[in-house]
């Protein structure tokens, strides 16, 4: 049996291989590694803590279903966020965005923007954070997808292209458009607006 500390050091691919061979603790390690990023990504997409919680669980159930077919040439994070992205699209289709925004209590502190590993590290500035959340929610879906996959999920553009089924160039263009819209929306917060480059 592999000690917990050694599993924490293993790559995602090695953990998936161990999981395929029956090591359930390897899956638990992957879950711990990605659960906050997945939850934050879904929450920022849908604006509902209730929906985010439910869909985040579905994402990891999707990983369980896909595990036997896992392609080791593809990063685990690509599989994970491709599942998350599809579930978000399905939810958007089923539930109008106004209804999503009215569901459930506000998100817990661990899910606030900046809790992931992206570059949106904000603390102690509620007016700024509320403005950012509103600005991100106002982005067209394609731009929001790319922005959140980059900033919340911390994926490289090449993986975002795979997840969103676009070329890497198209993804970078979507990101530029998203950043331009966000800079306009955050004019009152000059220091942060300039950081969106």
C-alpha atoms as a PDB file:
ATOM      1  CA  UNK A   1       0.000   0.000   0.000  1.00  0.00           C
ATOM      2  CA  UNK A   2       1.340   3.433  -0.933  1.00  0.00           C
ATOM      3  CA  UNK A   3       1.544   5.928   1.971  1.00  0.00           C
ATOM      4  CA  UNK A   4      -0.660   9.029   1.671  1.00  0.00           C
ATOM      5  CA  UNK A   5       2.341  11.363   1.330  1.00  0.00           C
ATOM      6  CA  UNK A   6       3.675   9.413  -1.650  1.00  0.00           C
ATOM      7  CA  UNK A   7       0.266   9.464  -3.360  1.00  0.00           C
ATOM      8  CA  UNK A   8       0.112  13.242  -2.928  1.00  0.00           C
ATOM      9  CA  UNK A   9       3.397  13.503  -4.869  1.00  0.00           C
ATOM     10  CA  UNK A  10       2.235  11.279  -7.750  1.00  0.00           C
ATOM     11  CA  UNK A  11       1.214  12.725 -11.109  1.00  0.00           C
ATOM     12  CA  UNK A  12      -2.448  12.743 -12.087  1.00  0.00           C
ATOM     13  CA  UNK A  13      -1.700  10.115 -14.732  1.00  0.00           C
ATOM     14  CA  UNK A  14      -0.041   7.786 -12.214  1.00  0.00           C
ATOM     15  CA  UNK A  15      -2.984   8.191  -9.854  1.00  0.00           C
ATOM     16  CA  UNK A  16      -5.446   7.336 -12.640  1.00  0.00           C
ATOM     17  CA  UNK A  17      -3.437   4.221 -13.482  1.00  0.00           C
ATOM     18  CA  UNK A  18      -3.536   3.157  -9.820  1.00  0.00           C
ATOM     19  CA  UNK A  19      -7.274   3.858  -9.723  1.00  0.00           C
ATOM     20  CA  UNK A  20      -7.838   1.747 -12.839  1.00  0.00           C
ATOM     21  CA  UNK A  21      -6.013  -1.064 -11.060  1.00  0.00           C
ATOM     22  CA  UNK A  22      -8.363  -0.854  -8.083  1.00  0.00           C
ATOM     23  CA  UNK A  23      -6.657   1.640  -5.726  1.00  0.00           C
ATOM     24  CA  UNK A  24      -9.621   3.739  -4.585  1.00  0.00           C
ATOM     25  CA  UNK A  25      -7.405   5.951  -2.436  1.00  0.00           C
ATOM     26  CA  UNK A  26      -5.748   7.181  -5.657  1.00  0.00           C
ATOM     27  CA  UNK A  27      -9.126   8.541  -6.755  1.00  0.00           C
ATOM     28  CA  UNK A  28      -9.579  10.206  -3.354  1.00  0.00           C
ATOM     29  CA  UNK A  29      -6.231  11.951  -3.885  1.00  0.00           C
ATOM     30  CA  UNK A  30      -7.387  13.232  -7.294  1.00  0.00           C
ATOM     31  CA  UNK A  31     -10.678  14.357  -5.772  1.00  0.00           C
ATOM     32  CA  UNK A  32      -8.875  16.326  -3.060  1.00  0.00           C
ATOM     33  CA  UNK A  33      -6.490  17.792  -5.613  1.00  0.00           C
ATOM     34  CA  UNK A  34      -9.229  19.142  -7.907  1.00  0.00           C
ATOM     35  CA  UNK A  35     -12.484  19.485  -5.953  1.00  0.00           C
ATOM     36  CA  UNK A  36     -12.114  23.189  -5.101  1.00  0.00           C
ATOM     37  CA  UNK A  37     -11.100  24.146  -8.661  1.00  0.00           C
ATOM     38  CA  UNK A  38     -14.000  22.170 -10.159  1.00  0.00           C
ATOM     39  CA  UNK A  39     -16.511  23.623  -7.699  1.00  0.00           C
ATOM     40  CA  UNK A  40     -15.241  27.180  -8.293  1.00  0.00           C
ATOM     41  CA  UNK A  41     -15.354  26.724 -12.061  1.00  0.00           C
ATOM     42  CA  UNK A  42     -18.947  25.449 -11.999  1.00  0.00           C
ATOM     43  CA  UNK A  43     -20.043  28.075  -9.476  1.00  0.00           C
ATOM     44  CA  UNK A  44     -18.630  30.936 -11.541  1.00  0.00           C
ATOM     45  CA  UNK A  45     -20.289  29.495 -14.641  1.00  0.00           C
ATOM     46  CA  UNK A  46     -23.747  29.075 -13.124  1.00  0.00           C
ATOM     47  CA  UNK A  47     -23.833  31.516 -10.205  1.00  0.00           C
ATOM     48  CA  UNK A  48     -25.627  29.023  -7.962  1.00  0.00           C
ATOM     49  CA  UNK A  49     -23.968  27.281  -5.013  1.00  0.00           C
ATOM     50  CA  UNK A  50     -26.687  24.640  -5.048  1.00  0.00           C
ATOM     51  CA  UNK A  51     -26.174  23.806  -8.727  1.00  0.00           C
ATOM     52  CA  UNK A  52     -22.380  23.994  -8.386  1.00  0.00           C
ATOM     53  CA  UNK A  53     -22.367  21.475  -5.543  1.00  0.00           C
ATOM     54  CA  UNK A  54     -24.560  19.038  -7.446  1.00  0.00           C
ATOM     55  CA  UNK A  55     -22.698  19.377 -10.739  1.00  0.00           C
ATOM     56  CA  UNK A  56     -19.252  19.138  -9.104  1.00  0.00           C
ATOM     57  CA  UNK A  57     -20.304  15.732  -7.735  1.00  0.00           C
ATOM     58  CA  UNK A  58     -21.498  14.755 -11.216  1.00  0.00           C
ATOM     59  CA  UNK A  59     -18.118  15.742 -12.663  1.00  0.00           C
ATOM     60  CA  UNK A  60     -16.293  13.260 -10.433  1.00  0.00           C
ATOM     61  CA  UNK A  61     -18.898  10.572 -11.146  1.00  0.00           C
ATOM     62  CA  UNK A  62     -18.159  11.252 -14.818  1.00  0.00           C
ATOM     63  CA  UNK A  63     -14.467  10.650 -14.139  1.00  0.00           C
ATOM     64  CA  UNK A  64     -15.365   7.306 -12.533  1.00  0.00           C
ATOM     65  CA  UNK A  65     -17.377   6.359 -15.641  1.00  0.00           C
ATOM     66  CA  UNK A  66     -14.585   7.467 -18.006  1.00  0.00           C
ATOM     67  CA  UNK A  67     -11.714   5.922 -16.004  1.00  0.00           C
ATOM     68  CA  UNK A  68     -11.598   2.639 -17.979  1.00  0.00           C
ATOM     69  CA  UNK A  69     -11.165   4.644 -21.219  1.00  0.00           C
ATOM     70  CA  UNK A  70      -8.720   7.239 -19.858  1.00  0.00           C
ATOM     71  CA  UNK A  71      -6.222   8.296 -22.540  1.00  0.00           C
ATOM     72  CA  UNK A  72      -2.796   8.800 -20.970  1.00  0.00           C
ATOM     73  CA  UNK A  73      -1.765  11.121 -23.795  1.00  0.00           C
ATOM     74  CA  UNK A  74      -4.330  13.659 -22.535  1.00  0.00           C
ATOM     75  CA  UNK A  75      -3.794  15.471 -19.228  1.00  0.00           C
ATOM     76  CA  UNK A  76      -6.220  14.408 -16.494  1.00  0.00           C
ATOM     77  CA  UNK A  77      -7.268  18.046 -15.997  1.00  0.00           C
ATOM     78  CA  UNK A  78      -8.442  18.148 -19.628  1.00  0.00           C
ATOM     79  CA  UNK A  79     -10.717  15.144 -19.081  1.00  0.00           C
ATOM     80  CA  UNK A  80     -11.978  16.597 -15.807  1.00  0.00           C
ATOM     81  CA  UNK A  81     -12.827  20.047 -17.144  1.00  0.00           C
ATOM     82  CA  UNK A  82     -14.226  18.676 -20.417  1.00  0.00           C
ATOM     83  CA  UNK A  83     -16.746  16.761 -18.285  1.00  0.00           C
ATOM     84  CA  UNK A  84     -17.385  19.870 -16.170  1.00  0.00           C
ATOM     85  CA  UNK A  85     -17.839  22.030 -19.265  1.00  0.00           C
ATOM     86  CA  UNK A  86     -20.347  19.615 -20.808  1.00  0.00           C
ATOM     87  CA  UNK A  87     -22.357  19.420 -17.590  1.00  0.00           C
ATOM     88  CA  UNK A  88     -22.378  23.236 -17.342  1.00  0.00           C
ATOM     89  CA  UNK A  89     -23.636  23.491 -20.941  1.00  0.00           C
ATOM     90  CA  UNK A  90     -26.355  20.943 -20.201  1.00  0.00           C
ATOM     91  CA  UNK A  91     -27.406  22.877 -17.100  1.00  0.00           C
ATOM     92  CA  UNK A  92     -27.467  26.179 -19.002  1.00  0.00           C
ATOM     93  CA  UNK A  93     -29.800  24.563 -21.522  1.00  0.00           C
ATOM     94  CA  UNK A  94     -32.122  23.171 -18.843  1.00  0.00           C
ATOM     95  CA  UNK A  95     -32.216  26.180 -16.516  1.00  0.00           C
ATOM     96  CA  UNK A  96     -32.449  29.844 -17.599  1.00  0.00           C
ATOM     97  CA  UNK A  97     -29.629  31.911 -16.100  1.00  0.00           C
ATOM     98  CA  UNK A  98     -31.996  34.093 -14.057  1.00  0.00           C
ATOM     99  CA  UNK A  99     -33.251  31.001 -12.248  1.00  0.00           C
ATOM    100  CA  UNK A 100     -29.706  29.785 -11.613  1.00  0.00           C
ATOM    101  CA  UNK A 101     -28.717  33.091 -10.040  1.00  0.00           C
ATOM    102  CA  UNK A 102     -31.702  32.921  -7.691  1.00  0.00           C
ATOM    103  CA  UNK A 103     -31.033  29.354  -6.503  1.00  0.00           C
ATOM    104  CA  UNK A 104     -29.418  28.477  -3.219  1.00  0.00           C
ATOM    105  CA  UNK A 105     -27.408  30.454  -0.694  1.00  0.00           C
ATOM    106  CA  UNK A 106     -24.335  32.434  -1.634  1.00  0.00           C
ATOM    107  CA  UNK A 107     -21.139  30.501  -2.116  1.00  0.00           C
ATOM    108  CA  UNK A 108     -18.957  29.488   0.845  1.00  0.00           C
ATOM    109  CA  UNK A 109     -15.702  31.357   1.445  1.00  0.00           C
ATOM    110  CA  UNK A 110     -13.601  28.599  -0.167  1.00  0.00           C
ATOM    111  CA  UNK A 111     -15.405  29.174  -3.450  1.00  0.00           C
ATOM    112  CA  UNK A 112     -14.925  32.918  -3.679  1.00  0.00           C
ATOM    113  CA  UNK A 113     -13.035  34.097  -6.745  1.00  0.00           C
ATOM    114  CA  UNK A 114      -9.356  33.743  -6.038  1.00  0.00           C
ATOM    115  CA  UNK A 115      -9.718  30.516  -4.040  1.00  0.00           C
ATOM    116  CA  UNK A 116      -8.379  28.549  -6.983  1.00  0.00           C
ATOM    117  CA  UNK A 117      -4.846  28.717  -8.322  1.00  0.00           C
ATOM    118  CA  UNK A 118      -5.564  31.264 -11.051  1.00  0.00           C
ATOM    119  CA  UNK A 119      -4.488  34.911 -10.955  1.00  0.00           C
ATOM    120  CA  UNK A 120      -7.675  36.325  -9.412  1.00  0.00           C
ATOM    121  CA  UNK A 121      -6.303  36.387  -5.871  1.00  0.00           C
ATOM    122  CA  UNK A 122      -8.562  38.838  -4.027  1.00  0.00           C
ATOM    123  CA  UNK A 123      -9.137  39.173  -0.333  1.00  0.00           C
ATOM    124  CA  UNK A 124     -10.735  41.908   1.737  1.00  0.00           C
ATOM    125  CA  UNK A 125     -12.142  43.911  -1.194  1.00  0.00           C
ATOM    126  CA  UNK A 126     -15.849  42.976  -1.361  1.00  0.00           C
ATOM    127  CA  UNK A 127     -16.845  45.822  -3.722  1.00  0.00           C
ATOM    128  CA  UNK A 128     -14.143  44.818  -6.184  1.00  0.00           C
ATOM    129  CA  UNK A 129     -14.965  41.132  -5.916  1.00  0.00           C
ATOM    130  CA  UNK A 130     -18.694  41.758  -6.416  1.00  0.00           C
ATOM    131  CA  UNK A 131     -17.886  43.865  -9.476  1.00  0.00           C
ATOM    132  CA  UNK A 132     -15.649  41.138 -10.893  1.00  0.00           C
ATOM    133  CA  UNK A 133     -18.294  38.462 -10.318  1.00  0.00           C
ATOM    134  CA  UNK A 134     -20.908  40.609 -12.064  1.00  0.00           C
ATOM    135  CA  UNK A 135     -18.542  41.395 -14.941  1.00  0.00           C
ATOM    136  CA  UNK A 136     -17.644  37.716 -15.423  1.00  0.00           C
ATOM    137  CA  UNK A 137     -21.313  36.681 -15.276  1.00  0.00           C
ATOM    138  CA  UNK A 138     -22.085  39.257 -18.001  1.00  0.00           C
ATOM    139  CA  UNK A 139     -19.530  37.765 -20.425  1.00  0.00           C
ATOM    140  CA  UNK A 140     -20.891  35.811 -23.399  1.00  0.00           C
ATOM    141  CA  UNK A 141     -20.770  32.083 -22.622  1.00  0.00           C
ATOM    142  CA  UNK A 142     -17.844  31.331 -24.974  1.00  0.00           C
ATOM    143  CA  UNK A 143     -15.705  34.058 -23.408  1.00  0.00           C
ATOM    144  CA  UNK A 144     -16.762  33.118 -19.884  1.00  0.00           C
ATOM    145  CA  UNK A 145     -15.833  29.484 -20.553  1.00  0.00           C
ATOM    146  CA  UNK A 146     -12.329  30.385 -21.703  1.00  0.00           C
ATOM    147  CA  UNK A 147     -11.771  32.988 -18.989  1.00  0.00           C
ATOM    148  CA  UNK A 148     -12.832  30.657 -16.167  1.00  0.00           C
ATOM    149  CA  UNK A 149     -10.938  27.657 -17.532  1.00  0.00           C
ATOM    150  CA  UNK A 150      -7.828  29.852 -17.565  1.00  0.00           C
ATOM    151  CA  UNK A 151      -8.293  31.835 -14.341  1.00  0.00           C
ATOM    152  CA  UNK A 152     -10.168  29.425 -12.066  1.00  0.00           C
ATOM    153  CA  UNK A 153      -9.193  26.012 -13.439  1.00  0.00           C
ATOM    154  CA  UNK A 154      -5.677  27.301 -14.280  1.00  0.00           C
ATOM    155  CA  UNK A 155      -5.522  25.342 -17.554  1.00  0.00           C
ATOM    156  CA  UNK A 156      -3.067  26.212 -20.314  1.00  0.00           C
ATOM    157  CA  UNK A 157      -4.559  27.430 -23.592  1.00  0.00           C
ATOM    158  CA  UNK A 158      -3.775  24.124 -25.303  1.00  0.00           C
ATOM    159  CA  UNK A 159      -5.968  22.237 -22.801  1.00  0.00           C
ATOM    160  CA  UNK A 160      -8.697  24.893 -22.969  1.00  0.00           C
ATOM    161  CA  UNK A 161      -8.760  24.388 -26.736  1.00  0.00           C
ATOM    162  CA  UNK A 162      -9.337  20.662 -26.209  1.00  0.00           C
ATOM    163  CA  UNK A 163     -12.021  21.202 -23.552  1.00  0.00           C
ATOM    164  CA  UNK A 164     -13.925  23.770 -25.616  1.00  0.00           C
ATOM    165  CA  UNK A 165     -13.306  22.027 -28.968  1.00  0.00           C
ATOM    166  CA  UNK A 166     -11.753  25.115 -30.556  1.00  0.00           C
ATOM    167  CA  UNK A 167      -8.345  25.915 -31.955  1.00  0.00           C
ATOM    168  CA  UNK A 168      -5.791  27.369 -29.585  1.00  0.00           C
ATOM    169  CA  UNK A 169      -5.849  30.585 -31.625  1.00  0.00           C
ATOM    170  CA  UNK A 170      -9.635  30.861 -31.224  1.00  0.00           C
ATOM    171  CA  UNK A 171      -9.285  30.316 -27.482  1.00  0.00           C
ATOM    172  CA  UNK A 172      -6.687  33.093 -27.210  1.00  0.00           C
ATOM    173  CA  UNK A 173      -8.943  35.436 -29.182  1.00  0.00           C
ATOM    174  CA  UNK A 174     -11.881  34.620 -26.852  1.00  0.00           C
ATOM    175  CA  UNK A 175      -9.612  35.374 -23.880  1.00  0.00           C
ATOM    176  CA  UNK A 176      -8.580  38.723 -25.381  1.00  0.00           C
ATOM    177  CA  UNK A 177     -12.239  39.658 -25.914  1.00  0.00           C
ATOM    178  CA  UNK A 178     -13.096  38.597 -22.357  1.00  0.00           C
ATOM    179  CA  UNK A 179     -10.246  40.653 -20.896  1.00  0.00           C
ATOM    180  CA  UNK A 180     -11.256  43.679 -22.968  1.00  0.00           C
ATOM    181  CA  UNK A 181     -14.852  43.445 -21.682  1.00  0.00           C
ATOM    182  CA  UNK A 182     -13.661  42.986 -18.107  1.00  0.00           C
ATOM    183  CA  UNK A 183     -11.333  45.992 -18.321  1.00  0.00           C
ATOM    184  CA  UNK A 184     -14.277  48.115 -19.488  1.00  0.00           C
ATOM    185  CA  UNK A 185     -16.527  46.768 -16.738  1.00  0.00           C
ATOM    186  CA  UNK A 186     -13.899  47.431 -14.056  1.00  0.00           C
ATOM    187  CA  UNK A 187     -13.032  51.017 -14.972  1.00  0.00           C
ATOM    188  CA  UNK A 188     -13.667  52.144 -11.391  1.00  0.00           C
ATOM    189  CA  UNK A 189     -10.947  49.792 -10.117  1.00  0.00           C
ATOM    190  CA  UNK A 190      -8.020  51.128 -12.094  1.00  0.00           C
ATOM    191  CA  UNK A 191      -5.244  49.091 -10.432  1.00  0.00           C
ATOM    192  CA  UNK A 192      -7.033  45.788 -10.985  1.00  0.00           C
ATOM    193  CA  UNK A 193      -8.213  46.746 -14.465  1.00  0.00           C
ATOM    194  CA  UNK A 194      -4.601  47.327 -15.539  1.00  0.00           C
ATOM    195  CA  UNK A 195      -3.667  43.858 -14.229  1.00  0.00           C
ATOM    196  CA  UNK A 196      -6.075  42.273 -16.740  1.00  0.00           C
ATOM    197  CA  UNK A 197      -3.615  42.031 -19.613  1.00  0.00           C
END
